[in-house]
């Protein structure tokens, strides 16, 4: 196992790379309200905007996807 330059962890046995993605989740319904967000700074801006427009709490979640 070695770190790849892309920021994911490269597992040589499986031949895949696991990438983290930030997504916004509506806490009331538990559904994803936005597709992948680029970085934490953008996620915080989007979270603030959605909370003010929807009037509900939004959480930022890091999901992992095998590429």
Protein backbone atom coordinates (compact mmCIF):
# COMPACT_ATOMS: atom_id res chain seq x y z
CA UNK A 1 0.00 0.00 0.00
CA UNK A 2 1.41 3.39 -0.99
CA UNK A 3 0.12 6.94 -1.21
CA UNK A 4 -0.67 8.17 -4.70
CA UNK A 5 0.01 11.75 -5.82
CA UNK A 6 -3.74 12.26 -6.38
CA UNK A 7 -4.39 12.09 -2.64
CA UNK A 8 -6.08 8.69 -2.62
CA UNK A 9 -4.60 5.49 -1.30
CA UNK A 10 -3.45 3.07 -3.96
CA UNK A 11 -3.99 -0.58 -3.01
CA UNK A 12 -1.75 -2.74 -5.19
CA UNK A 13 -3.58 -6.01 -4.46
CA UNK A 14 -6.96 -4.80 -5.67
CA UNK A 15 -5.59 -2.53 -8.37
CA UNK A 16 -8.05 0.20 -7.40
CA UNK A 17 -7.75 3.62 -5.93
CA UNK A 18 -10.10 4.91 -3.23
CA UNK A 19 -11.05 8.56 -3.63
CA UNK A 20 -12.83 10.70 -1.05
CA UNK A 21 -15.72 12.93 -2.10
CA UNK A 22 -17.45 15.64 -0.12
CA UNK A 23 -21.23 15.67 -0.37
CA UNK A 24 -23.97 17.69 1.35
CA UNK A 25 -26.64 15.74 3.25
CA UNK A 26 -29.98 17.09 4.50
CA UNK A 27 -30.14 15.97 8.15
CA UNK A 28 -33.95 15.99 8.28
CA UNK A 29 -34.43 13.58 5.36
CA UNK A 30 -30.99 11.97 5.12
CA UNK A 31 -30.84 12.53 1.36
CA UNK A 32 -27.97 13.95 -0.63
CA UNK A 33 -28.91 17.44 -1.83
CA UNK A 34 -25.84 18.23 -3.88
CA UNK A 35 -23.46 16.28 -6.05
CA UNK A 36 -19.77 16.13 -5.22
CA UNK A 37 -18.24 19.35 -3.88
CA UNK A 38 -14.64 20.19 -4.81
CA UNK A 39 -13.17 21.14 -1.45
CA UNK A 40 -13.97 21.93 2.14
CA UNK A 41 -14.06 25.69 1.49
CA UNK A 42 -16.70 25.23 -1.24
CA UNK A 43 -18.59 22.74 0.92
CA UNK A 44 -18.82 25.23 3.79
CA UNK A 45 -20.13 27.95 1.45
CA UNK A 46 -22.72 25.58 -0.04
CA UNK A 47 -23.71 24.37 3.43
CA UNK A 48 -24.32 27.94 4.61
CA UNK A 49 -26.36 28.77 1.49
CA UNK A 50 -28.55 25.64 1.71
CA UNK A 51 -29.14 26.10 5.46
CA UNK A 52 -30.30 29.69 4.96
CA UNK A 53 -32.52 28.86 1.97
CA UNK A 54 -34.02 25.59 3.29
CA UNK A 55 -34.12 26.48 6.98
CA UNK A 56 -32.78 23.02 7.93
CA UNK A 57 -29.42 21.69 9.07
CA UNK A 58 -27.08 20.39 6.37
CA UNK A 59 -24.08 18.20 7.12
CA UNK A 60 -20.94 17.69 5.09
CA UNK A 61 -20.04 14.05 4.65
CA UNK A 62 -16.95 12.46 3.20
CA UNK A 63 -17.81 9.44 1.08
CA UNK A 64 -15.33 7.03 -0.40
CA UNK A 65 -15.61 5.67 -3.91
CA UNK A 66 -13.38 3.04 -5.48
CA UNK A 67 -12.13 4.10 -8.88
